[in-house]
Amino acid sequence: MTAPNPAPVPAEVELADAVLRVAKRIRRGTFTRLSPFGITPSQGRALEVLARGSHHGGRMIRLNQLAERLHIAPRSVTTVVDALEAAGLVARVQDPEDRRAILLRLTEAGERMVAQIGRVRQEVAEEYFGPVSPGDRAALLRLLRSTDEAFERAHPYPHHHGGDARA
């Protein structure tokens, strides 16, 4: 007797598995290259969001804005910011427009770290996607963006799942 053939894996599941594998490899490569600097990928993303900013000339944002942009719960972003502040990369400052509110700003060391993170991300991306033709990279990016946009339309934010859904 032969064992029955397992049910075929649906294409959507195979695609989800492939995307997760790619994300894990890129995240691992990024983490490995950032670890000598004492920065986790979550902290790196937070620094990059702070570098783009949105308040007072584009350089400072509130804690809740950072949580929203990272798609994580405010309690989770507090842990990330505490670590960045302890490392001297971020400072909390009083909002001059609302003295009850606190703004986050990058320190000079934080600015240097953002530049380093950018170099690391470029290295990892080149290593992973370099062998893929420019046309295929553009097509993949276009497809992933359209998939993400369709998902966002069907499942509008804000909805926290207690963690970083974009990790």
C-alpha atoms as a PDB file:
ATOM      1  CA  MET A   1       0.000   0.000   0.000  1.00  0.00           C
ATOM      2  CA  THR A   2       1.196   3.435  -0.800  1.00  0.00           C
ATOM      3  CA  ALA A   3       0.589   6.374   1.429  1.00  0.00           C
ATOM      4  CA  PRO A   4      -1.871   8.915   0.076  1.00  0.00           C
ATOM      5  CA  ASN A   5      -0.332  12.003  -1.493  1.00  0.00           C
ATOM      6  CA  PRO A   6      -0.459  14.977   0.847  1.00  0.00           C
ATOM      7  CA  ALA A   7      -2.846  17.738  -0.151  1.00  0.00           C
ATOM      8  CA  PRO A   8      -1.158  20.372  -2.303  1.00  0.00           C
ATOM      9  CA  VAL A   9      -0.147  23.536  -0.497  1.00  0.00           C
ATOM     10  CA  PRO A  10      -2.288  26.470  -1.667  1.00  0.00           C
ATOM     11  CA  ALA A  11      -0.357  29.049  -3.692  1.00  0.00           C
ATOM     12  CA  GLU A  12      -1.183  31.782  -1.161  1.00  0.00           C
ATOM     13  CA  VAL A  13       0.419  29.737   1.625  1.00  0.00           C
ATOM     14  CA  GLU A  14       3.520  29.051  -0.489  1.00  0.00           C
ATOM     15  CA  LEU A  15       3.766  32.764  -1.265  1.00  0.00           C
ATOM     16  CA  ALA A  16       3.371  33.722   2.393  1.00  0.00           C
ATOM     17  CA  ASP A  17       6.053  31.190   3.341  1.00  0.00           C
ATOM     18  CA  ALA A  18       8.423  32.574   0.681  1.00  0.00           C
ATOM     19  CA  VAL A  19       7.899  36.166   1.843  1.00  0.00           C
ATOM     20  CA  LEU A  20       8.535  35.134   5.461  1.00  0.00           C
ATOM     21  CA  ARG A  21      11.745  33.290   4.484  1.00  0.00           C
ATOM     22  CA  VAL A  22      13.020  36.350   2.606  1.00  0.00           C
ATOM     23  CA  ALA A  23      12.104  38.690   5.473  1.00  0.00           C
ATOM     24  CA  LYS A  24      13.806  36.434   8.039  1.00  0.00           C
ATOM     25  CA  ARG A  25      16.998  36.207   5.987  1.00  0.00           C
ATOM     26  CA  ILE A  26      17.146  39.959   5.443  1.00  0.00           C
ATOM     27  CA  ARG A  27      16.341  40.642   9.089  1.00  0.00           C
ATOM     28  CA  ARG A  28      19.014  38.141  10.224  1.00  0.00           C
ATOM     29  CA  GLY A  29      21.601  39.698   7.906  1.00  0.00           C
ATOM     30  CA  THR A  30      20.727  43.178   9.116  1.00  0.00           C
ATOM     31  CA  PHE A  31      20.768  42.122  12.773  1.00  0.00           C
ATOM     32  CA  THR A  32      24.122  40.380  12.361  1.00  0.00           C
ATOM     33  CA  ARG A  33      25.692  43.480  10.813  1.00  0.00           C
ATOM     34  CA  LEU A  34      24.125  45.883  13.337  1.00  0.00           C
ATOM     35  CA  SER A  35      24.860  43.822  16.455  1.00  0.00           C
ATOM     36  CA  PRO A  36      28.457  45.126  16.781  1.00  0.00           C
ATOM     37  CA  PHE A  37      26.892  48.595  17.130  1.00  0.00           C
ATOM     38  CA  GLY A  38      24.495  47.423  19.856  1.00  0.00           C
ATOM     39  CA  ILE A  39      21.408  48.140  17.725  1.00  0.00           C
ATOM     40  CA  THR A  40      18.479  45.785  17.133  1.00  0.00           C
ATOM     41  CA  PRO A  41      16.424  45.955  13.919  1.00  0.00           C
ATOM     42  CA  SER A  42      13.495  47.458  15.890  1.00  0.00           C
ATOM     43  CA  GLN A  43      15.737  50.175  17.280  1.00  0.00           C
ATOM     44  CA  GLY A  44      17.157  50.784  13.815  1.00  0.00           C
ATOM     45  CA  ARG A  45      13.692  51.249  12.332  1.00  0.00           C
ATOM     46  CA  ALA A  46      12.795  53.638  15.165  1.00  0.00           C
ATOM     47  CA  LEU A  47      15.925  55.708  14.485  1.00  0.00           C
ATOM     48  CA  GLU A  48      15.101  55.867  10.774  1.00  0.00           C
ATOM     49  CA  VAL A  49      11.550  57.043  11.510  1.00  0.00           C
ATOM     50  CA  LEU A  50      12.935  59.679  13.868  1.00  0.00           C
ATOM     51  CA  ALA A  51      15.376  60.804  11.177  1.00  0.00           C
ATOM     52  CA  ARG A  52      12.430  61.463   8.860  1.00  0.00           C
ATOM     53  CA  GLY A  53      10.450  63.079  11.688  1.00  0.00           C
ATOM     54  CA  SER A  54       7.273  65.095  11.238  1.00  0.00           C
ATOM     55  CA  HIS A  55       7.277  67.912  13.781  1.00  0.00           C
ATOM     56  CA  HIS A  56       9.254  71.116  14.187  1.00  0.00           C
ATOM     57  CA  GLY A  57      11.114  71.159  10.907  1.00  0.00           C
ATOM     58  CA  GLY A  58      10.829  67.433  10.329  1.00  0.00           C
ATOM     59  CA  ARG A  59      13.276  66.376  13.042  1.00  0.00           C
ATOM     60  CA  MET A  60      11.138  65.525  16.098  1.00  0.00           C
ATOM     61  CA  ILE A  61       8.046  63.433  16.746  1.00  0.00           C
ATOM     62  CA  ARG A  62       5.938  62.338  19.677  1.00  0.00           C
ATOM     63  CA  LEU A  63       6.119  58.857  21.164  1.00  0.00           C
ATOM     64  CA  ASN A  64       2.608  57.966  19.940  1.00  0.00           C
ATOM     65  CA  GLN A  65       3.523  59.079  16.392  1.00  0.00           C
ATOM     66  CA  LEU A  66       6.566  56.807  16.482  1.00  0.00           C
ATOM     67  CA  ALA A  67       4.437  53.873  17.666  1.00  0.00           C
ATOM     68  CA  GLU A  68       1.943  54.544  14.885  1.00  0.00           C
ATOM     69  CA  ARG A  69       4.618  54.680  12.185  1.00  0.00           C
ATOM     70  CA  LEU A  70       6.258  51.510  13.446  1.00  0.00           C
ATOM     71  CA  HIS A  71       2.853  49.825  13.747  1.00  0.00           C
ATOM     72  CA  ILE A  72       3.539  48.768  17.323  1.00  0.00           C
ATOM     73  CA  ALA A  73       1.768  49.371  20.612  1.00  0.00           C
ATOM     74  CA  PRO A  74       2.780  52.513  22.539  1.00  0.00           C
ATOM     75  CA  ARG A  75       4.038  50.378  25.467  1.00  0.00           C
ATOM     76  CA  SER A  76       6.371  48.566  23.054  1.00  0.00           C
ATOM     77  CA  VAL A  77       7.762  51.774  21.598  1.00  0.00           C
ATOM     78  CA  THR A  78       8.549  53.034  25.097  1.00  0.00           C
ATOM     79  CA  THR A  79      10.909  50.076  25.591  1.00  0.00           C
ATOM     80  CA  VAL A  80      12.627  50.785  22.262  1.00  0.00           C
ATOM     81  CA  VAL A  81      13.003  54.509  23.027  1.00  0.00           C
ATOM     82  CA  ASP A  82      14.273  53.842  26.563  1.00  0.00           C
ATOM     83  CA  ALA A  83      17.085  51.694  25.112  1.00  0.00           C
ATOM     84  CA  LEU A  84      17.922  54.297  22.464  1.00  0.00           C
ATOM     85  CA  GLU A  85      17.971  57.046  25.085  1.00  0.00           C
ATOM     86  CA  ALA A  86      20.225  54.968  27.364  1.00  0.00           C
ATOM     87  CA  ALA A  87      22.610  54.528  24.408  1.00  0.00           C
ATOM     88  CA  GLY A  88      22.695  58.294  23.862  1.00  0.00           C
ATOM     89  CA  LEU A  89      21.056  58.068  20.431  1.00  0.00           C
ATOM     90  CA  VAL A  90      17.723  59.726  21.279  1.00  0.00           C
ATOM     91  CA  ALA A  91      16.706  62.520  23.632  1.00  0.00           C
ATOM     92  CA  ARG A  92      13.304  63.390  25.038  1.00  0.00           C
ATOM     93  CA  VAL A  93      12.499  67.105  24.914  1.00  0.00           C
ATOM     94  CA  GLN A  94       9.496  69.121  25.992  1.00  0.00           C
ATOM     95  CA  ASP A  95       7.176  70.171  23.146  1.00  0.00           C
ATOM     96  CA  PRO A  96       7.244  73.992  23.053  1.00  0.00           C
ATOM     97  CA  GLU A  97       3.694  74.015  21.623  1.00  0.00           C
ATOM     98  CA  ASP A  98       2.282  71.717  24.326  1.00  0.00           C
ATOM     99  CA  ARG A  99       4.347  71.669  27.487  1.00  0.00           C
ATOM    100  CA  ARG A 100       2.598  68.469  28.644  1.00  0.00           C
ATOM    101  CA  ALA A 101       3.862  66.566  25.592  1.00  0.00           C
ATOM    102  CA  ILE A 102       7.295  65.080  25.017  1.00  0.00           C
ATOM    103  CA  LEU A 103       9.057  65.040  21.666  1.00  0.00           C
ATOM    104  CA  LEU A 104      11.782  62.666  20.585  1.00  0.00           C
ATOM    105  CA  ARG A 105      14.834  63.875  18.728  1.00  0.00           C
ATOM    106  CA  LEU A 106      17.988  62.237  17.462  1.00  0.00           C
ATOM    107  CA  THR A 107      21.246  63.179  19.116  1.00  0.00           C
ATOM    108  CA  GLU A 108      24.408  63.675  17.052  1.00  0.00           C
ATOM    109  CA  ALA A 109      25.342  60.070  17.861  1.00  0.00           C
ATOM    110  CA  GLY A 110      21.860  59.049  16.699  1.00  0.00           C
ATOM    111  CA  GLU A 111      22.379  60.870  13.394  1.00  0.00           C
ATOM    112  CA  ARG A 112      25.657  58.987  12.874  1.00  0.00           C
ATOM    113  CA  MET A 113      23.940  55.700  13.709  1.00  0.00           C
ATOM    114  CA  VAL A 114      21.187  56.410  11.146  1.00  0.00           C
ATOM    115  CA  ALA A 115      23.883  56.817   8.497  1.00  0.00           C
ATOM    116  CA  GLN A 116      25.493  53.522   9.578  1.00  0.00           C
ATOM    117  CA  ILE A 117      22.132  51.743   9.503  1.00  0.00           C
ATOM    118  CA  GLY A 118      21.555  53.037   5.977  1.00  0.00           C
ATOM    119  CA  ARG A 119      24.886  51.582   4.874  1.00  0.00           C
ATOM    120  CA  VAL A 120      24.110  48.228   6.495  1.00  0.00           C
ATOM    121  CA  ARG A 121      20.634  48.049   4.947  1.00  0.00           C
ATOM    122  CA  GLN A 122      22.113  48.809   1.520  1.00  0.00           C
ATOM    123  CA  GLU A 123      24.756  46.085   1.939  1.00  0.00           C
ATOM    124  CA  VAL A 124      22.183  43.488   2.980  1.00  0.00           C
ATOM    125  CA  ALA A 125      19.760  44.450   0.201  1.00  0.00           C
ATOM    126  CA  GLU A 126      22.519  44.324  -2.426  1.00  0.00           C
ATOM    127  CA  GLU A 127      23.675  40.944  -1.154  1.00  0.00           C
ATOM    128  CA  TYR A 128      20.174  39.492  -1.250  1.00  0.00           C
ATOM    129  CA  PHE A 129      18.686  41.147  -4.346  1.00  0.00           C
ATOM    130  CA  GLY A 130      21.867  41.769  -6.346  1.00  0.00           C
ATOM    131  CA  PRO A 131      21.609  38.516  -8.333  1.00  0.00           C
ATOM    132  CA  VAL A 132      18.035  39.389  -9.389  1.00  0.00           C
ATOM    133  CA  SER A 133      17.644  41.403 -12.591  1.00  0.00           C
ATOM    134  CA  PRO A 134      16.624  45.063 -12.211  1.00  0.00           C
ATOM    135  CA  GLY A 135      13.397  44.348 -14.091  1.00  0.00           C
ATOM    136  CA  ASP A 136      12.468  41.487 -11.773  1.00  0.00           C
ATOM    137  CA  ARG A 137      13.323  43.612  -8.711  1.00  0.00           C
ATOM    138  CA  ALA A 138      11.057  46.401  -9.980  1.00  0.00           C
ATOM    139  CA  ALA A 139       8.244  43.929 -10.699  1.00  0.00           C
ATOM    140  CA  LEU A 140       8.589  42.319  -7.267  1.00  0.00           C
ATOM    141  CA  LEU A 141       8.549  45.700  -5.540  1.00  0.00           C
ATOM    142  CA  ARG A 142       5.490  46.783  -7.527  1.00  0.00           C
ATOM    143  CA  LEU A 143       3.646  43.546  -6.658  1.00  0.00           C
ATOM    144  CA  LEU A 144       4.506  43.702  -2.967  1.00  0.00           C
ATOM    145  CA  ARG A 145       3.444  47.354  -2.750  1.00  0.00           C
ATOM    146  CA  SER A 146       0.136  46.678  -4.474  1.00  0.00           C
ATOM    147  CA  THR A 147      -0.478  43.667  -2.210  1.00  0.00           C
ATOM    148  CA  ASP A 148       0.267  45.731   0.890  1.00  0.00           C
ATOM    149  CA  GLU A 149      -1.942  48.593  -0.300  1.00  0.00           C
ATOM    150  CA  ALA A 150      -4.817  46.176  -0.998  1.00  0.00           C
ATOM    151  CA  PHE A 151      -4.402  44.664   2.464  1.00  0.00           C
ATOM    152  CA  GLU A 152      -4.372  48.116   4.089  1.00  0.00           C
ATOM    153  CA  ARG A 153      -7.579  49.065   2.261  1.00  0.00           C
ATOM    154  CA  ALA A 154      -9.263  45.847   3.385  1.00  0.00           C
ATOM    155  CA  HIS A 155      -7.886  46.062   6.956  1.00  0.00           C
ATOM    156  CA  PRO A 156      -7.440  49.749   7.797  1.00  0.00           C
ATOM    157  CA  TYR A 157      -5.026  50.703  10.521  1.00  0.00           C
ATOM    158  CA  PRO A 158      -4.996  51.468  13.481  1.00  0.00           C
ATOM    159  CA  HIS A 159      -5.214  48.010  14.928  1.00  0.00           C
ATOM    160  CA  HIS A 160      -2.543  46.853  17.296  1.00  0.00           C
ATOM    161  CA  HIS A 161      -1.867  43.180  17.693  1.00  0.00           C
ATOM    162  CA  GLY A 162       0.420  43.708  20.656  1.00  0.00           C
ATOM    163  CA  GLY A 163       3.557  43.467  18.577  1.00  0.00           C
ATOM    164  CA  ASP A 164       5.255  44.770  15.513  1.00  0.00           C
ATOM    165  CA  ALA A 165       3.282  43.489  12.547  1.00  0.00           C
ATOM    166  CA  ARG A 166       5.874  44.991  10.208  1.00  0.00           C
ATOM    167  CA  ALA A 167       8.935  43.428  11.787  1.00  0.00           C
END
